[in-house]
C-alpha atoms as a PDB file:
ATOM      1  CA  MET A   1      73.058  70.035 -11.992  1.00  0.00           C
ATOM      2  CA  LYS A   2      73.868  66.351 -11.500  1.00  0.00           C
ATOM      3  CA  LYS A   3      71.902  66.244  -8.270  1.00  0.00           C
ATOM      4  CA  ILE A   4      68.797  67.456 -10.113  1.00  0.00           C
ATOM      5  CA  LEU A   5      69.274  65.394 -13.271  1.00  0.00           C
ATOM      6  CA  ILE A   6      69.645  61.964 -11.633  1.00  0.00           C
ATOM      7  CA  PRO A   7      66.351  62.075  -9.677  1.00  0.00           C
ATOM      8  CA  ILE A   8      64.588  63.310 -12.838  1.00  0.00           C
ATOM      9  CA  LEU A   9      65.970  60.388 -14.846  1.00  0.00           C
ATOM     10  CA  LEU A  10      64.985  57.947 -12.119  1.00  0.00           C
ATOM     11  CA  LEU A  11      61.494  59.421 -12.002  1.00  0.00           C
ATOM     12  CA  ALA A  12      61.169  59.167 -15.774  1.00  0.00           C
ATOM     13  CA  ALA A  13      62.252  55.528 -15.682  1.00  0.00           C
ATOM     14  CA  SER A  14      59.730  54.827 -12.949  1.00  0.00           C
ATOM     15  CA  VAL A  15      56.944  56.429 -14.970  1.00  0.00           C
ATOM     16  CA  VAL A  16      57.810  54.390 -18.067  1.00  0.00           C
ATOM     17  CA  SER A  17      57.950  51.227 -15.982  1.00  0.00           C
ATOM     18  CA  ALA A  18      54.598  52.005 -14.379  1.00  0.00           C
ATOM     19  CA  GLN A  19      53.045  52.732 -17.766  1.00  0.00           C
ATOM     20  CA  LYS A  20      54.313  49.409 -19.103  1.00  0.00           C
ATOM     21  CA  MET A  21      52.887  47.550 -16.128  1.00  0.00           C
ATOM     22  CA  THR A  22      49.534  49.308 -16.490  1.00  0.00           C
ATOM     23  CA  CYS A  23      49.437  48.623 -20.205  1.00  0.00           C
ATOM     24  CA  CYS A  24      50.480  45.017 -20.266  1.00  0.00           C
ATOM     25  CA  SER A  25      49.377  43.597 -16.931  1.00  0.00           C
ATOM     26  CA  SER A  26      45.692  43.975 -17.713  1.00  0.00           C
ATOM     27  CA  PRO A  27      44.181  41.284 -19.954  1.00  0.00           C
ATOM     28  CA  SER A  28      41.781  43.839 -21.386  1.00  0.00           C
ATOM     29  CA  ASN A  29      44.595  46.162 -22.494  1.00  0.00           C
ATOM     30  CA  GLY A  30      47.725  44.011 -22.771  1.00  0.00           C
ATOM     31  CA  MET A  31      47.068  42.243 -26.061  1.00  0.00           C
ATOM     32  CA  ARG A  32      45.745  45.455 -27.582  1.00  0.00           C
ATOM     33  CA  ALA A  33      49.050  47.157 -26.786  1.00  0.00           C
ATOM     34  CA  PHE A  34      50.871  44.437 -28.719  1.00  0.00           C
ATOM     35  CA  ALA A  35      49.051  45.568 -31.873  1.00  0.00           C
ATOM     36  CA  ASP A  36      51.370  48.594 -31.893  1.00  0.00           C
ATOM     37  CA  ASP A  37      54.467  46.388 -31.665  1.00  0.00           C
ATOM     38  CA  PRO A  38      55.877  45.854 -35.204  1.00  0.00           C
ATOM     39  CA  GLU A  39      57.643  42.670 -34.116  1.00  0.00           C
ATOM     40  CA  PHE A  40      54.439  41.197 -32.705  1.00  0.00           C
ATOM     41  CA  VAL A  41      52.569  42.083 -35.890  1.00  0.00           C
ATOM     42  CA  ALA A  42      55.350  40.529 -37.965  1.00  0.00           C
ATOM     43  CA  THR A  43      54.950  37.180 -36.210  1.00  0.00           C
ATOM     44  CA  HIS A  44      51.353  37.046 -37.444  1.00  0.00           C
ATOM     45  CA  GLU A  45      51.615  36.633 -41.185  1.00  0.00           C
ATOM     46  CA  ALA A  46      48.437  36.883 -43.217  1.00  0.00           C
ATOM     47  CA  PRO A  47      46.403  33.686 -42.759  1.00  0.00           C
ATOM     48  CA  LEU A  48      46.510  31.156 -45.546  1.00  0.00           C
ATOM     49  CA  PRO A  49      43.333  31.224 -47.682  1.00  0.00           C
ATOM     50  CA  PHE A  50      40.717  28.784 -46.429  1.00  0.00           C
ATOM     51  CA  ASN A  51      37.063  28.315 -47.299  1.00  0.00           C
ATOM     52  CA  TYR A  52      35.302  25.891 -44.970  1.00  0.00           C
ATOM     53  CA  THR A  53      32.193  24.552 -46.716  1.00  0.00           C
ATOM     54  CA  MET A  54      31.505  21.469 -44.549  1.00  0.00           C
ATOM     55  CA  GLN A  55      30.120  23.387 -41.586  1.00  0.00           C
ATOM     56  CA  GLU A  56      28.253  21.315 -39.031  1.00  0.00           C
ATOM     57  CA  GLY A  57      26.936  24.270 -37.079  1.00  0.00           C
ATOM     58  CA  LYS A  58      25.140  27.534 -37.731  1.00  0.00           C
ATOM     59  CA  MET A  59      25.298  31.185 -36.722  1.00  0.00           C
ATOM     60  CA  VAL A  60      23.051  32.189 -33.827  1.00  0.00           C
ATOM     61  CA  SER A  61      22.201  35.510 -32.182  1.00  0.00           C
ATOM     62  CA  PHE A  62      21.592  36.427 -28.555  1.00  0.00           C
ATOM     63  CA  SER A  63      20.965  39.498 -26.443  1.00  0.00           C
ATOM     64  CA  THR A  64      23.841  41.257 -24.718  1.00  0.00           C
ATOM     65  CA  GLY A  65      23.796  43.365 -21.565  1.00  0.00           C
ATOM     66  CA  ASP A  66      24.570  46.582 -23.426  1.00  0.00           C
ATOM     67  CA  GLY A  67      21.254  46.468 -25.294  1.00  0.00           C
ATOM     68  CA  LYS A  68      22.776  45.077 -28.477  1.00  0.00           C
ATOM     69  CA  MET A  69      22.942  41.635 -30.060  1.00  0.00           C
ATOM     70  CA  GLY A  70      25.827  39.199 -30.106  1.00  0.00           C
ATOM     71  CA  SER A  71      26.489  36.374 -32.511  1.00  0.00           C
ATOM     72  CA  ALA A  72      28.298  33.057 -32.445  1.00  0.00           C
ATOM     73  CA  TYR A  73      28.863  29.885 -34.427  1.00  0.00           C
ATOM     74  CA  GLU A  74      27.021  27.124 -32.567  1.00  0.00           C
ATOM     75  CA  VAL A  75      27.521  23.364 -32.945  1.00  0.00           C
ATOM     76  CA  LEU A  76      25.113  21.253 -30.919  1.00  0.00           C
ATOM     77  CA  SER A  77      25.658  17.783 -29.538  1.00  0.00           C
ATOM     78  CA  SER A  78      23.572  15.032 -31.171  1.00  0.00           C
ATOM     79  CA  THR A  79      22.118  14.326 -27.738  1.00  0.00           C
ATOM     80  CA  PRO A  80      20.867  16.981 -25.274  1.00  0.00           C
ATOM     81  CA  THR A  81      23.532  18.173 -22.841  1.00  0.00           C
ATOM     82  CA  LYS A  82      24.122  20.989 -20.399  1.00  0.00           C
ATOM     83  CA  ASN A  83      27.833  21.110 -21.247  1.00  0.00           C
ATOM     84  CA  PHE A  84      28.818  24.185 -23.293  1.00  0.00           C
ATOM     85  CA  LEU A  85      32.263  25.060 -24.605  1.00  0.00           C
ATOM     86  CA  ILE A  86      32.657  28.763 -25.347  1.00  0.00           C
ATOM     87  CA  ILE A  87      35.441  29.370 -27.867  1.00  0.00           C
ATOM     88  CA  CYS A  88      37.181  32.742 -28.096  1.00  0.00           C
ATOM     89  CA  HIS A  89      38.853  33.401 -31.429  1.00  0.00           C
ATOM     90  CA  GLU A  90      42.322  34.905 -31.905  1.00  0.00           C
ATOM     91  CA  TRP A  91      42.945  38.316 -33.390  1.00  0.00           C
ATOM     92  CA  TRP A  92      41.821  37.384 -36.903  1.00  0.00           C
ATOM     93  CA  GLY A  93      38.179  37.132 -35.886  1.00  0.00           C
ATOM     94  CA  LEU A  94      35.574  34.394 -36.226  1.00  0.00           C
ATOM     95  CA  ASN A  95      36.905  32.995 -39.495  1.00  0.00           C
ATOM     96  CA  ASP A  96      36.466  29.593 -41.105  1.00  0.00           C
ATOM     97  CA  TYR A  97      39.479  28.166 -39.278  1.00  0.00           C
ATOM     98  CA  ILE A  98      37.714  28.793 -35.958  1.00  0.00           C
ATOM     99  CA  LYS A  99      34.466  27.299 -37.249  1.00  0.00           C
ATOM    100  CA  GLN A 100      36.312  24.186 -38.393  1.00  0.00           C
ATOM    101  CA  ARG A 101      37.981  23.936 -34.988  1.00  0.00           C
ATOM    102  CA  ALA A 102      34.590  24.249 -33.292  1.00  0.00           C
ATOM    103  CA  ASP A 103      33.245  21.377 -35.384  1.00  0.00           C
ATOM    104  CA  GLU A 104      36.294  19.218 -34.630  1.00  0.00           C
ATOM    105  CA  LEU A 105      36.078  19.841 -30.893  1.00  0.00           C
ATOM    106  CA  GLN A 106      32.390  19.017 -30.797  1.00  0.00           C
ATOM    107  CA  LYS A 107      32.983  15.724 -32.629  1.00  0.00           C
ATOM    108  CA  THR A 108      35.883  14.815 -30.365  1.00  0.00           C
ATOM    109  CA  LEU A 109      34.250  15.776 -27.082  1.00  0.00           C
ATOM    110  CA  GLY A 110      30.803  14.428 -27.990  1.00  0.00           C
ATOM    111  CA  ASN A 111      28.796  15.391 -24.935  1.00  0.00           C
ATOM    112  CA  MET A 112      29.367  19.093 -25.488  1.00  0.00           C
ATOM    113  CA  ASN A 113      27.659  21.969 -27.255  1.00  0.00           C
ATOM    114  CA  VAL A 114      30.117  24.449 -28.735  1.00  0.00           C
ATOM    115  CA  ILE A 115      29.645  28.204 -29.066  1.00  0.00           C
ATOM    116  CA  ALA A 116      32.383  30.137 -30.888  1.00  0.00           C
ATOM    117  CA  VAL A 117      31.644  33.761 -30.027  1.00  0.00           C
ATOM    118  CA  ASP A 118      32.206  36.620 -32.462  1.00  0.00           C
ATOM    119  CA  MET A 119      34.128  39.212 -30.435  1.00  0.00           C
ATOM    120  CA  TYR A 120      34.498  41.534 -33.452  1.00  0.00           C
ATOM    121  CA  ASP A 121      30.777  41.831 -34.303  1.00  0.00           C
ATOM    122  CA  GLY A 122      31.108  40.446 -37.820  1.00  0.00           C
ATOM    123  CA  LYS A 123      34.522  41.802 -38.779  1.00  0.00           C
ATOM    124  CA  ILE A 124      37.144  39.308 -40.039  1.00  0.00           C
ATOM    125  CA  ALA A 125      40.751  40.224 -40.798  1.00  0.00           C
ATOM    126  CA  ASN A 126      42.789  38.778 -43.621  1.00  0.00           C
ATOM    127  CA  ASN A 127      46.005  40.692 -42.942  1.00  0.00           C
ATOM    128  CA  PRO A 128      47.948  41.749 -39.814  1.00  0.00           C
ATOM    129  CA  ASP A 129      47.146  45.454 -40.153  1.00  0.00           C
ATOM    130  CA  SER A 130      43.384  44.987 -40.131  1.00  0.00           C
ATOM    131  CA  ALA A 131      43.682  42.356 -37.378  1.00  0.00           C
ATOM    132  CA  GLY A 132      45.528  44.845 -35.191  1.00  0.00           C
ATOM    133  CA  LYS A 133      42.945  47.537 -35.867  1.00  0.00           C
ATOM    134  CA  TYR A 134      40.027  45.223 -35.056  1.00  0.00           C
ATOM    135  CA  MET A 135      41.676  43.980 -31.862  1.00  0.00           C
ATOM    136  CA  LYS A 136      42.330  47.527 -30.644  1.00  0.00           C
ATOM    137  CA  ALA A 137      38.817  48.665 -31.581  1.00  0.00           C
ATOM    138  CA  ALA A 138      37.082  45.796 -29.774  1.00  0.00           C
ATOM    139  CA  SER A 139      36.521  47.239 -26.305  1.00  0.00           C
ATOM    140  CA  ASN A 140      36.779  45.055 -23.254  1.00  0.00           C
ATOM    141  CA  ASP A 141      33.286  46.097 -22.140  1.00  0.00           C
ATOM    142  CA  ARG A 142      31.747  45.038 -25.465  1.00  0.00           C
ATOM    143  CA  ILE A 143      33.586  41.708 -25.514  1.00  0.00           C
ATOM    144  CA  MET A 144      32.567  40.891 -21.954  1.00  0.00           C
ATOM    145  CA  ASN A 145      28.962  41.753 -22.819  1.00  0.00           C
ATOM    146  CA  ILE A 146      29.187  39.285 -25.709  1.00  0.00           C
ATOM    147  CA  ILE A 147      30.722  36.600 -23.495  1.00  0.00           C
ATOM    148  CA  ASN A 148      28.151  37.121 -20.732  1.00  0.00           C
ATOM    149  CA  GLY A 149      25.428  37.046 -23.375  1.00  0.00           C
ATOM    150  CA  ALA A 150      26.734  33.690 -24.585  1.00  0.00           C
ATOM    151  CA  ILE A 151      26.776  32.327 -21.019  1.00  0.00           C
ATOM    152  CA  ALA A 152      23.163  33.461 -20.553  1.00  0.00           C
ATOM    153  CA  PHE A 153      22.291  31.937 -23.945  1.00  0.00           C
ATOM    154  CA  ALA A 154      23.664  28.600 -22.718  1.00  0.00           C
ATOM    155  CA  GLY A 155      21.371  28.785 -19.685  1.00  0.00           C
ATOM    156  CA  ASN A 156      21.524  29.170 -15.928  1.00  0.00           C
ATOM    157  CA  ASP A 157      21.965  25.419 -15.494  1.00  0.00           C
ATOM    158  CA  ALA A 158      24.705  25.066 -18.137  1.00  0.00           C
ATOM    159  CA  ARG A 159      28.211  23.886 -17.292  1.00  0.00           C
ATOM    160  CA  ILE A 160      30.527  26.394 -18.941  1.00  0.00           C
ATOM    161  CA  PHE A 161      33.868  25.380 -20.427  1.00  0.00           C
ATOM    162  CA  SER A 162      36.076  27.830 -22.308  1.00  0.00           C
ATOM    163  CA  LEU A 163      38.947  27.709 -24.782  1.00  0.00           C
ATOM    164  CA  GLY A 164      40.790  30.348 -26.775  1.00  0.00           C
ATOM    165  CA  TRP A 165      44.006  31.284 -28.551  1.00  0.00           C
ATOM    166  CA  CYS A 166      46.178  34.426 -28.338  1.00  0.00           C
ATOM    167  CA  PHE A 167      43.789  37.381 -27.887  1.00  0.00           C
ATOM    168  CA  GLY A 168      41.059  34.810 -27.269  1.00  0.00           C
ATOM    169  CA  GLY A 169      43.262  32.876 -24.836  1.00  0.00           C
ATOM    170  CA  GLY A 170      43.042  35.697 -22.318  1.00  0.00           C
ATOM    171  CA  TYR A 171      39.307  35.942 -22.890  1.00  0.00           C
ATOM    172  CA  ALA A 172      38.894  32.205 -22.363  1.00  0.00           C
ATOM    173  CA  LEU A 173      40.161  32.847 -18.839  1.00  0.00           C
ATOM    174  CA  GLN A 174      37.846  35.849 -18.493  1.00  0.00           C
ATOM    175  CA  THR A 175      34.958  33.625 -19.621  1.00  0.00           C
ATOM    176  CA  ALA A 176      35.773  31.137 -16.873  1.00  0.00           C
ATOM    177  CA  ILE A 177      35.839  33.943 -14.310  1.00  0.00           C
ATOM    178  CA  ALA A 178      32.562  35.424 -15.591  1.00  0.00           C
ATOM    179  CA  ALA A 179      30.892  31.992 -15.480  1.00  0.00           C
ATOM    180  CA  GLY A 180      31.311  31.850 -11.707  1.00  0.00           C
ATOM    181  CA  LYS A 181      29.990  28.635 -10.216  1.00  0.00           C
ATOM    182  CA  GLN A 182      28.908  27.475 -13.669  1.00  0.00           C
ATOM    183  CA  GLY A 183      32.569  27.309 -14.694  1.00  0.00           C
ATOM    184  CA  ALA A 184      33.735  23.756 -15.398  1.00  0.00           C
ATOM    185  CA  GLY A 185      37.113  24.064 -17.135  1.00  0.00           C
ATOM    186  CA  CYS A 186      39.283  26.509 -19.067  1.00  0.00           C
ATOM    187  CA  VAL A 187      41.964  26.040 -21.735  1.00  0.00           C
ATOM    188  CA  MET A 188      44.017  29.093 -22.700  1.00  0.00           C
ATOM    189  CA  TYR A 189      46.571  29.016 -25.507  1.00  0.00           C
ATOM    190  CA  TYR A 190      49.306  31.680 -25.055  1.00  0.00           C
ATOM    191  CA  GLY A 191      46.745  34.196 -23.780  1.00  0.00           C
ATOM    192  CA  MET A 192      47.168  37.149 -21.441  1.00  0.00           C
ATOM    193  CA  PRO A 193      46.911  35.956 -17.804  1.00  0.00           C
ATOM    194  CA  GLU A 194      44.775  37.764 -15.246  1.00  0.00           C
ATOM    195  CA  THR A 195      46.848  39.554 -12.605  1.00  0.00           C
ATOM    196  CA  ASP A 196      44.043  40.784 -10.340  1.00  0.00           C
ATOM    197  CA  MET A 197      43.999  38.437  -7.365  1.00  0.00           C
ATOM    198  CA  ASN A 198      40.402  39.307  -6.547  1.00  0.00           C
ATOM    199  CA  LYS A 199      39.323  38.172 -10.011  1.00  0.00           C
ATOM    200  CA  LEU A 200      41.379  34.979  -9.819  1.00  0.00           C
ATOM    201  CA  LYS A 201      39.664  34.132  -6.539  1.00  0.00           C
ATOM    202  CA  MET A 202      36.349  34.200  -8.441  1.00  0.00           C
ATOM    203  CA  LEU A 203      37.414  31.179 -10.494  1.00  0.00           C
ATOM    204  CA  TYR A 204      35.466  27.981  -9.781  1.00  0.00           C
ATOM    205  CA  CYS A 205      37.218  25.733 -12.285  1.00  0.00           C
ATOM    206  CA  ASP A 206      40.646  24.367 -13.125  1.00  0.00           C
ATOM    207  CA  VAL A 207      42.749  25.957 -15.867  1.00  0.00           C
ATOM    208  CA  LEU A 208      45.104  24.467 -18.443  1.00  0.00           C
ATOM    209  CA  GLY A 209      47.629  26.917 -19.841  1.00  0.00           C
ATOM    210  CA  LEU A 210      49.406  26.060 -23.098  1.00  0.00           C
ATOM    211  CA  PHE A 211      52.337  28.385 -23.684  1.00  0.00           C
ATOM    212  CA  ALA A 212      55.396  28.787 -25.925  1.00  0.00           C
ATOM    213  CA  SER A 213      58.893  29.119 -24.484  1.00  0.00           C
ATOM    214  CA  GLN A 214      60.018  31.335 -27.399  1.00  0.00           C
ATOM    215  CA  ASP A 215      57.062  33.695 -26.977  1.00  0.00           C
ATOM    216  CA  LYS A 216      58.428  37.203 -26.358  1.00  0.00           C
ATOM    217  CA  TRP A 217      55.047  38.616 -25.342  1.00  0.00           C
ATOM    218  CA  ILE A 218      53.282  36.029 -23.193  1.00  0.00           C
ATOM    219  CA  ASN A 219      56.730  35.163 -21.933  1.00  0.00           C
ATOM    220  CA  ARG A 220      58.182  32.873 -19.273  1.00  0.00           C
ATOM    221  CA  ASP A 221      58.175  35.545 -16.567  1.00  0.00           C
ATOM    222  CA  MET A 222      54.532  36.303 -17.228  1.00  0.00           C
ATOM    223  CA  VAL A 223      53.646  32.609 -17.073  1.00  0.00           C
ATOM    224  CA  LYS A 224      55.642  32.187 -13.868  1.00  0.00           C
ATOM    225  CA  THR A 225      53.821  35.099 -12.257  1.00  0.00           C
ATOM    226  CA  PHE A 226      50.513  33.594 -13.359  1.00  0.00           C
ATOM    227  CA  GLN A 227      51.435  30.289 -11.719  1.00  0.00           C
ATOM    228  CA  GLU A 228      52.403  32.059  -8.492  1.00  0.00           C
ATOM    229  CA  ASN A 229      49.206  34.111  -8.441  1.00  0.00           C
ATOM    230  CA  MET A 230      47.013  31.085  -9.090  1.00  0.00           C
ATOM    231  CA  LYS A 231      48.728  29.278  -6.225  1.00  0.00           C
ATOM    232  CA  LYS A 232      48.165  32.263  -3.941  1.00  0.00           C
ATOM    233  CA  ALA A 233      44.502  32.334  -4.971  1.00  0.00           C
ATOM    234  CA  ASP A 234      44.300  28.612  -4.176  1.00  0.00           C
ATOM    235  CA  LYS A 235      43.291  27.756  -7.751  1.00  0.00           C
ATOM    236  CA  LYS A 236      44.486  24.848  -9.841  1.00  0.00           C
ATOM    237  CA  LEU A 237      46.571  25.651 -12.923  1.00  0.00           C
ATOM    238  CA  ALA A 238      48.335  23.102 -15.111  1.00  0.00           C
ATOM    239  CA  VAL A 239      50.928  24.488 -17.521  1.00  0.00           C
ATOM    240  CA  LYS A 240      52.483  22.943 -20.621  1.00  0.00           C
ATOM    241  CA  SER A 241      55.224  24.860 -22.379  1.00  0.00           C
ATOM    242  CA  TYR A 242      56.373  24.104 -25.913  1.00  0.00           C
ATOM    243  CA  ASN A 243      59.655  24.905 -27.629  1.00  0.00           C
ATOM    244  CA  ALA A 244      57.790  27.069 -30.083  1.00  0.00           C
ATOM    245  CA  ASP A 245      56.835  30.667 -30.772  1.00  0.00           C
ATOM    246  CA  HIS A 246      53.637  32.610 -30.213  1.00  0.00           C
ATOM    247  CA  ALA A 247      50.668  31.374 -32.301  1.00  0.00           C
ATOM    248  CA  PHE A 248      52.310  27.987 -32.866  1.00  0.00           C
ATOM    249  CA  ALA A 249      48.928  26.207 -32.839  1.00  0.00           C
ATOM    250  CA  ASN A 250      47.297  28.351 -35.530  1.00  0.00           C
ATOM    251  CA  PRO A 251      46.926  26.266 -38.719  1.00  0.00           C
ATOM    252  CA  SER A 252      46.467  29.428 -40.795  1.00  0.00           C
ATOM    253  CA  ASN A 253      49.956  30.546 -39.766  1.00  0.00           C
ATOM    254  CA  PRO A 254      52.554  29.850 -42.493  1.00  0.00           C
ATOM    255  CA  HIS A 255      54.920  28.871 -39.616  1.00  0.00           C
ATOM    256  CA  TYR A 256      52.415  26.542 -37.982  1.00  0.00           C
ATOM    257  CA  ASP A 257      54.199  24.072 -35.653  1.00  0.00           C
ATOM    258  CA  LYS A 258      52.282  20.910 -36.470  1.00  0.00           C
ATOM    259  CA  THR A 259      53.986  18.696 -33.857  1.00  0.00           C
ATOM    260  CA  SER A 260      53.575  21.086 -30.929  1.00  0.00           C
ATOM    261  CA  ALA A 261      50.046  21.969 -32.017  1.00  0.00           C
ATOM    262  CA  ALA A 262      49.040  18.301 -32.144  1.00  0.00           C
ATOM    263  CA  ASP A 263      50.381  17.681 -28.632  1.00  0.00           C
ATOM    264  CA  ALA A 264      48.684  20.821 -27.294  1.00  0.00           C
ATOM    265  CA  ASN A 265      45.427  19.824 -28.955  1.00  0.00           C
ATOM    266  CA  LYS A 266      45.643  16.379 -27.359  1.00  0.00           C
ATOM    267  CA  ALA A 267      46.317  17.922 -23.948  1.00  0.00           C
ATOM    268  CA  ALA A 268      43.376  20.302 -24.340  1.00  0.00           C
ATOM    269  CA  GLN A 269      41.007  17.522 -25.342  1.00  0.00           C
ATOM    270  CA  GLU A 270      42.085  15.241 -22.499  1.00  0.00           C
ATOM    271  CA  PHE A 271      41.705  18.088 -20.020  1.00  0.00           C
ATOM    272  CA  LEU A 272      38.198  18.935 -21.208  1.00  0.00           C
ATOM    273  CA  LYS A 273      37.127  15.286 -21.337  1.00  0.00           C
ATOM    274  CA  SER A 274      38.320  14.787 -17.759  1.00  0.00           C
ATOM    275  CA  LYS A 275      35.883  17.472 -16.645  1.00  0.00           C
ATOM    276  CA  LEU A 276      32.801  16.069 -18.407  1.00  0.00           C
END
């Protein structure tokens, strides 16, 4: 009996391990799986109420490869430029916090048009439950069609930069990969790294990763593996880790880490400016 039971237990453990790797190693599925984790949901308290009325940009629409339309909040430079920063929102959706951030980044960077894409097709969450549902419902294919539509909207001669947080942090990296030779720089805040070496080899730009040492989901081991894979792919990755928890840079978070967020913001801005 023991001889039969032990191999079965080992096999079961292997299956569970394989399922976990399949679920969480893919950027398209990993963050979605976290939506079923009560602890992960608990770290994302409902965003503080915020109504941003001083918007500098406007909503725009563009065609997507799946025959639909995508939308984004666009803030243009006061002078014509081919530099475009594509912003990928976190799991709350394209809310007023993201629009304010887009305006701030455009003002700071100057020679940059900013496009904050709407990966939820108009849906905005105001509580963790709806945020988790929207994140799980937003398919990777649809999001990549929106991102590719935004890249095409910027133009074939545009220099594509990308930036995102949490769910959008992983998609900021996917934007950089999708941009190909148009890619000019990527900033990802505690987002899911890409583990497919073939995809990493398609990167044509440097990456800045801003992570949190207390993050239980995009954790130290995951970041270490990302660094190793980027090195193997012969791609440049700079990493800054903060003594903070996941979503530390989100101002709508009641536990917003102002000091760490300010330093990360400065690092992101300096990185992007160095690529202009």
